[in-house]
């Protein structure tokens, strides 16, 4: 590439780079779903995060002229996103849930869970109709399949008096979670365990169990776009119908919950299968702005119905 056709020389402002990135991403037919839903969102995230700007406020910076080294970095990131098909969060080692930053790399899936939104909804904020009447009364939380530790950290914010255990089968994931817990200054409240679901926890019981386990079925695993192939398969694959691990959790959870506690579990698109297989369980399906029936809640008392 000569100086005359190097985009780093011809693009001057953030607006220039935004247009350039969207055009390139659309032409490359990239896949999204790792915190962004389309080329515009992906481009905005890459540009703002790479320049250490607030990721939720693009407009004030659109006409800012960039330094030569900034332009070079952005062109390289755009090229790498296309050539490697790696999710932007891996290229920048950063992902956000509800504006909270988390370190990520290819040892963990990119954090994305509807549970993050639900924890800060009225359902868990106390008041009429809430599943948790008073967040201050939650003294113990378990985060199964913690990955990067994101839900454990968000739970520490949502339930200020809770001690939190976080478990993952992957030793690599635990290392990433440990980094995030340390950066959040929550080492005194979050204890990390490496092992298979409840196995490393002894006989501990909890007021609340959160879990976003692997739940991609075999057919979907075989058809994943290249972006998803950069994520650990063990963090995605949930067996033939995607629900092998969810079934294990449902069988074990009653022995792990205090009276008055509950289980909050994300399962993807397996609602009809679970409802048919566990008709005796009054699973309460919860929606968010971006999901419909992909998360369920069940109170400890309802396991004995």
Protein backbone atom coordinates (compact mmCIF):
# COMPACT_ATOMS: atom_id res chain seq x y z
CA UNK A 1 0.00 0.00 0.00
CA UNK A 2 1.40 3.39 -1.00
CA UNK A 3 1.02 6.61 0.96
CA UNK A 4 -1.47 7.84 -1.62
CA UNK A 5 -3.97 5.02 -1.03
CA UNK A 6 -3.35 4.43 2.67
CA UNK A 7 -6.66 5.18 4.46
CA UNK A 8 -4.72 6.42 7.48
CA UNK A 9 -3.66 9.41 5.38
CA UNK A 10 -7.00 10.20 3.77
CA UNK A 11 -9.31 9.84 6.75
CA UNK A 12 -9.05 12.71 9.19
CA UNK A 13 -12.01 12.75 11.58
CA UNK A 14 -13.90 10.22 13.62
CA UNK A 15 -16.84 10.72 11.27
CA UNK A 16 -14.59 9.73 8.35
CA UNK A 17 -13.52 6.57 10.13
CA UNK A 18 -17.06 5.67 11.16
CA UNK A 19 -18.25 5.79 7.55
CA UNK A 20 -15.17 3.91 6.37
CA UNK A 21 -15.55 1.14 8.96
CA UNK A 22 -19.26 0.62 8.31
CA UNK A 23 -18.64 0.35 4.56
CA UNK A 24 -15.83 -2.15 5.07
CA UNK A 25 -17.78 -4.23 7.62
CA UNK A 26 -20.88 -4.40 5.44
CA UNK A 27 -18.82 -5.43 2.42
CA UNK A 28 -17.11 -8.15 4.46
CA UNK A 29 -20.47 -9.44 5.75
CA UNK A 30 -19.28 -9.64 9.33
CA UNK A 31 -21.39 -11.27 12.03
CA UNK A 32 -22.25 -9.51 15.28
CA UNK A 33 -23.76 -10.45 18.63
CA UNK A 34 -20.84 -9.85 21.00
CA UNK A 35 -22.18 -6.70 22.57
CA UNK A 36 -23.13 -5.06 19.28
CA UNK A 37 -25.89 -5.86 16.82
CA UNK A 38 -24.84 -4.20 13.56
CA UNK A 39 -21.98 -2.56 11.66
CA UNK A 40 -22.69 0.91 13.06
CA UNK A 41 -22.56 -0.23 16.68
CA UNK A 42 -19.46 -2.35 16.04
CA UNK A 43 -17.65 0.51 14.33
CA UNK A 44 -18.58 2.98 17.07
CA UNK A 45 -17.37 0.60 19.78
CA UNK A 46 -14.02 0.00 18.09
CA UNK A 47 -13.38 3.69 17.44
CA UNK A 48 -14.39 4.95 20.87
CA UNK A 49 -12.73 2.20 22.89
CA UNK A 50 -9.50 2.39 20.90
CA UNK A 51 -9.34 6.15 21.49
CA UNK A 52 -10.26 5.81 25.19
CA UNK A 53 -13.44 7.85 24.71
CA UNK A 54 -16.81 7.23 26.43
CA UNK A 55 -18.35 4.35 24.50
CA UNK A 56 -21.93 5.57 24.95
CA UNK A 57 -21.52 9.05 23.47
CA UNK A 58 -20.22 9.23 19.92
CA UNK A 59 -21.75 12.51 18.71
CA UNK A 60 -19.51 15.05 20.51
CA UNK A 61 -16.40 13.54 18.95
CA UNK A 62 -17.51 12.95 15.36
CA UNK A 63 -15.72 15.94 13.89
CA UNK A 64 -12.60 15.72 16.02
CA UNK A 65 -9.44 15.49 13.89
CA UNK A 66 -7.26 12.54 14.79
CA UNK A 67 -3.52 12.35 15.26
CA UNK A 68 -1.50 10.30 12.75
CA UNK A 69 -0.83 7.51 15.26
CA UNK A 70 -4.52 7.37 16.15
CA UNK A 71 -5.49 7.08 12.49
CA UNK A 72 -2.96 4.27 11.99
CA UNK A 73 -4.31 2.36 14.98
CA UNK A 74 -7.90 2.63 13.79
CA UNK A 75 -7.11 1.48 10.27
CA UNK A 76 -5.19 -1.50 11.66
CA UNK A 77 -8.08 -2.43 13.98
CA UNK A 78 -10.62 -2.23 11.17
CA UNK A 79 -8.41 -4.38 8.93
CA UNK A 80 -7.85 -6.92 11.73
CA UNK A 81 -11.55 -7.16 12.55
CA UNK A 82 -12.19 -8.13 8.94
CA UNK A 83 -9.18 -10.37 8.30
CA UNK A 84 -9.43 -12.39 11.53
CA UNK A 85 -13.20 -12.19 12.13
CA UNK A 86 -12.41 -11.82 15.83
CA UNK A 87 -15.08 -10.02 17.89
CA UNK A 88 -14.08 -6.44 18.62
CA UNK A 89 -13.97 -7.14 22.36
CA UNK A 90 -11.09 -9.56 21.82
CA UNK A 91 -9.18 -7.05 19.73
CA UNK A 92 -9.54 -4.42 22.46
CA UNK A 93 -9.65 -6.72 25.52
CA UNK A 94 -12.74 -4.97 26.77
CA UNK A 95 -16.47 -5.64 27.04
CA UNK A 96 -19.24 -3.78 28.83
CA UNK A 97 -22.47 -4.79 30.53
CA UNK A 98 -24.64 -1.94 31.77
CA UNK A 99 -21.68 0.38 31.27
CA UNK A 100 -19.42 -1.68 33.56
CA UNK A 101 -16.10 -2.56 31.86
CA UNK A 102 -14.63 -6.07 31.95
CA UNK A 103 -11.31 -7.38 30.71
CA UNK A 104 -11.77 -10.21 28.18
CA UNK A 105 -9.61 -12.35 25.95
CA UNK A 106 -10.12 -15.63 24.12
CA UNK A 107 -10.01 -17.66 27.34
CA UNK A 108 -13.62 -16.60 28.01
CA UNK A 109 -16.69 -15.85 25.93
CA UNK A 110 -17.43 -12.18 25.40
CA UNK A 111 -19.80 -11.20 28.27
CA UNK A 112 -23.40 -10.85 27.12
CA UNK A 113 -26.21 -11.85 29.41
CA UNK A 114 -29.78 -10.69 29.85
CA UNK A 115 -29.34 -11.43 33.55
CA UNK A 116 -27.29 -8.25 33.86
CA UNK A 117 -30.32 -6.18 32.90
CA UNK A 118 -32.70 -8.17 35.07
CA UNK A 119 -30.59 -7.73 38.21
CA UNK A 120 -31.10 -3.98 38.01
CA UNK A 121 -34.77 -4.09 37.08
CA UNK A 122 -37.65 -3.70 39.47
CA UNK A 123 -37.81 -7.49 39.76
CA UNK A 124 -34.79 -7.47 42.04
CA UNK A 125 -35.02 -3.97 43.44
CA UNK A 126 -37.65 -4.54 46.08
CA UNK A 127 -41.15 -3.11 46.04
CA UNK A 128 -44.46 -4.50 44.89
CA UNK A 129 -44.19 -7.54 42.62
CA UNK A 130 -40.45 -7.93 43.08
CA UNK A 131 -38.89 -11.40 43.17
CA UNK A 132 -36.48 -10.14 45.82
CA UNK A 133 -38.30 -7.98 48.34
CA UNK A 134 -35.17 -6.24 49.65
CA UNK A 135 -31.75 -6.48 47.93
CA UNK A 136 -30.08 -5.71 51.25
CA UNK A 137 -31.41 -9.00 52.65
CA UNK A 138 -29.53 -11.12 50.11
CA UNK A 139 -26.54 -12.44 52.05
CA UNK A 140 -25.18 -15.11 49.69
CA UNK A 141 -25.09 -15.43 45.90
CA UNK A 142 -23.70 -18.16 43.65
CA UNK A 143 -22.69 -17.44 40.06
CA UNK A 144 -22.36 -20.72 38.15
CA UNK A 145 -20.36 -20.76 34.89
CA UNK A 146 -18.95 -17.36 35.77
CA UNK A 147 -16.61 -17.00 32.78
CA UNK A 148 -15.15 -13.50 33.01
CA UNK A 149 -16.78 -12.98 36.42
CA UNK A 150 -19.11 -10.32 35.04
CA UNK A 151 -22.33 -11.52 36.68
CA UNK A 152 -20.63 -12.04 40.03
CA UNK A 153 -19.36 -8.47 39.90
CA UNK A 154 -22.75 -7.09 38.86
CA UNK A 155 -24.39 -9.11 41.65
CA UNK A 156 -22.02 -7.49 44.14
CA UNK A 157 -23.36 -4.13 43.00
CA UNK A 158 -27.02 -5.21 43.04
CA UNK A 159 -26.83 -6.91 46.45
CA UNK A 160 -24.49 -4.81 48.61
CA UNK A 161 -24.52 -7.15 51.62
CA UNK A 162 -23.93 -10.38 49.73
CA UNK A 163 -20.91 -12.64 49.77
CA UNK A 164 -20.58 -14.18 46.33
CA UNK A 165 -19.15 -17.49 45.16
CA UNK A 166 -18.31 -17.84 41.45
CA UNK A 167 -17.56 -21.16 39.75
CA UNK A 168 -16.23 -22.15 36.34
CA UNK A 169 -14.94 -25.43 34.96
CA UNK A 170 -12.19 -23.68 33.00
CA UNK A 171 -8.99 -22.77 34.88
CA UNK A 172 -8.32 -20.17 32.17
CA UNK A 173 -11.69 -18.53 32.76
CA UNK A 174 -11.01 -18.37 36.49
CA UNK A 175 -7.79 -16.47 35.77
CA UNK A 176 -9.70 -13.89 33.73
CA UNK A 177 -12.39 -13.65 36.41
CA UNK A 178 -9.71 -13.17 39.07
CA UNK A 179 -8.33 -10.21 37.13
CA UNK A 180 -11.76 -8.62 36.84
CA UNK A 181 -12.58 -9.18 40.50
CA UNK A 182 -9.30 -7.56 41.49
CA UNK A 183 -9.83 -4.60 39.18
CA UNK A 184 -13.32 -4.15 40.66
CA UNK A 185 -11.80 -4.21 44.16
CA UNK A 186 -14.15 -7.02 45.18
CA UNK A 187 -11.68 -9.67 46.35
CA UNK A 188 -13.11 -9.51 49.87
CA UNK A 189 -16.63 -10.30 48.64
CA UNK A 190 -16.18 -12.65 45.68
CA UNK A 191 -14.58 -16.08 46.06
CA UNK A 192 -13.66 -17.97 42.90
CA UNK A 193 -13.81 -21.76 42.51
CA UNK A 194 -12.55 -23.90 39.65
CA UNK A 195 -14.64 -27.00 39.11
CA UNK A 196 -17.76 -28.59 37.65
CA UNK A 197 -20.87 -26.63 38.68
CA UNK A 198 -21.64 -27.31 42.37
CA UNK A 199 -18.83 -29.87 42.88
CA UNK A 200 -16.22 -27.54 44.46
CA UNK A 201 -18.68 -25.92 46.88
CA UNK A 202 -19.11 -28.59 49.53
CA UNK A 203 -22.56 -28.24 51.10
CA UNK A 204 -22.89 -24.47 50.74
CA UNK A 205 -26.36 -23.01 50.23
CA UNK A 206 -27.37 -19.63 48.84
CA UNK A 207 -30.06 -16.99 48.87
CA UNK A 208 -29.71 -16.57 45.11
CA UNK A 209 -28.18 -18.64 42.32
CA UNK A 210 -27.37 -16.96 39.00
CA UNK A 211 -26.24 -18.86 35.96
CA UNK A 212 -25.65 -18.22 32.28
CA UNK A 213 -24.46 -21.73 31.35
CA UNK A 214 -23.48 -23.10 27.94
CA UNK A 215 -26.75 -23.59 26.05
CA UNK A 216 -26.03 -23.66 22.30
CA UNK A 217 -27.42 -26.84 20.73
CA UNK A 218 -25.42 -29.10 18.43
CA UNK A 219 -27.06 -27.91 15.23
CA UNK A 220 -26.43 -24.26 16.07
CA UNK A 221 -22.84 -25.01 17.11
CA UNK A 222 -22.18 -26.48 13.67
CA UNK A 223 -23.51 -23.33 11.98
CA UNK A 224 -21.84 -20.63 14.11
CA UNK A 225 -20.29 -17.72 12.17
CA UNK A 226 -16.49 -17.41 12.30
CA UNK A 227 -16.69 -14.76 15.05
CA UNK A 228 -18.04 -17.33 17.50
CA UNK A 229 -15.32 -19.85 16.65
CA UNK A 230 -12.85 -17.64 18.53
CA UNK A 231 -14.74 -18.28 21.78
CA UNK A 232 -14.10 -21.35 23.97
CA UNK A 233 -16.39 -24.10 22.72
CA UNK A 234 -16.87 -25.44 26.24
CA UNK A 235 -18.48 -22.11 27.18
CA UNK A 236 -21.03 -22.39 24.37
CA UNK A 237 -21.90 -26.04 23.71
CA UNK A 238 -24.81 -27.35 25.76
CA UNK A 239 -25.30 -30.79 24.22
CA UNK A 240 -27.69 -32.04 21.51
CA UNK A 241 -30.56 -29.70 22.43
CA UNK A 242 -28.47 -27.20 24.38
CA UNK A 243 -29.95 -28.01 27.77
CA UNK A 244 -27.70 -30.71 29.26
CA UNK A 245 -26.14 -28.37 31.83
CA UNK A 246 -29.43 -26.60 32.56
CA UNK A 247 -31.00 -29.96 33.49
CA UNK A 248 -28.13 -30.67 35.89
CA UNK A 249 -28.58 -27.28 37.52
CA UNK A 250 -32.34 -27.78 37.93
CA UNK A 251 -31.81 -31.16 39.58
CA UNK A 252 -29.22 -29.85 42.03
CA UNK A 253 -30.50 -26.34 42.78
CA UNK A 254 -33.16 -27.33 45.39
CA UNK A 255 -30.40 -28.69 47.65
CA UNK A 256 -28.38 -25.49 47.21
CA UNK A 257 -30.96 -22.82 48.00
CA UNK A 258 -31.93 -21.38 51.35
CA UNK A 259 -35.63 -21.14 52.15
CA UNK A 260 -36.91 -18.04 50.42
CA UNK A 261 -34.14 -18.18 47.81
CA UNK A 262 -34.35 -18.59 44.06
CA UNK A 263 -32.62 -19.54 40.83
CA UNK A 264 -32.19 -17.17 37.87
CA UNK A 265 -31.03 -18.99 34.73
CA UNK A 266 -30.48 -17.99 31.11
CA UNK A 267 -31.11 -20.74 28.56
CA UNK A 268 -31.43 -19.19 25.11
CA UNK A 269 -34.26 -20.60 23.01
CA UNK A 270 -35.05 -23.83 24.89
CA UNK A 271 -38.20 -22.68 26.69
CA UNK A 272 -40.59 -25.12 25.00
CA UNK A 273 -38.29 -28.07 25.72
CA UNK A 274 -37.93 -27.22 29.42
CA UNK A 275 -41.63 -26.54 29.93
CA UNK A 276 -42.48 -29.90 28.38
CA UNK A 277 -39.80 -31.81 30.29
CA UNK A 278 -40.44 -30.21 33.71
CA UNK A 279 -44.21 -29.58 33.78
CA UNK A 280 -44.20 -29.79 37.58
CA UNK A 281 -41.90 -26.74 37.88
CA UNK A 282 -43.61 -23.34 37.70
CA UNK A 283 -40.82 -21.65 35.80
CA UNK A 284 -41.39 -17.91 35.51
CA UNK A 285 -40.14 -16.65 32.16
CA UNK A 286 -38.70 -13.16 32.23
CA UNK A 287 -38.30 -10.76 29.31
CA UNK A 288 -35.93 -7.86 28.77
CA UNK A 289 -35.84 -5.14 26.14
CA UNK A 290 -33.80 -7.46 23.91
CA UNK A 291 -35.04 -10.92 24.88
CA UNK A 292 -38.28 -12.88 25.05
CA UNK A 293 -38.48 -15.96 27.25
CA UNK A 294 -34.76 -16.72 27.41
CA UNK A 295 -34.37 -16.41 31.20
CA UNK A 296 -36.37 -18.15 33.91
CA UNK A 297 -36.81 -17.69 37.63
CA UNK A 298 -37.90 -20.33 40.08
CA UNK A 299 -38.23 -19.84 43.82
CA UNK A 300 -36.83 -22.44 46.20
CA UNK A 301 -40.31 -23.24 47.50
CA UNK A 302 -41.56 -24.00 43.98
CA UNK A 303 -39.18 -26.92 43.50
CA UNK A 304 -41.38 -28.93 45.86
CA UNK A 305 -44.66 -28.17 44.09
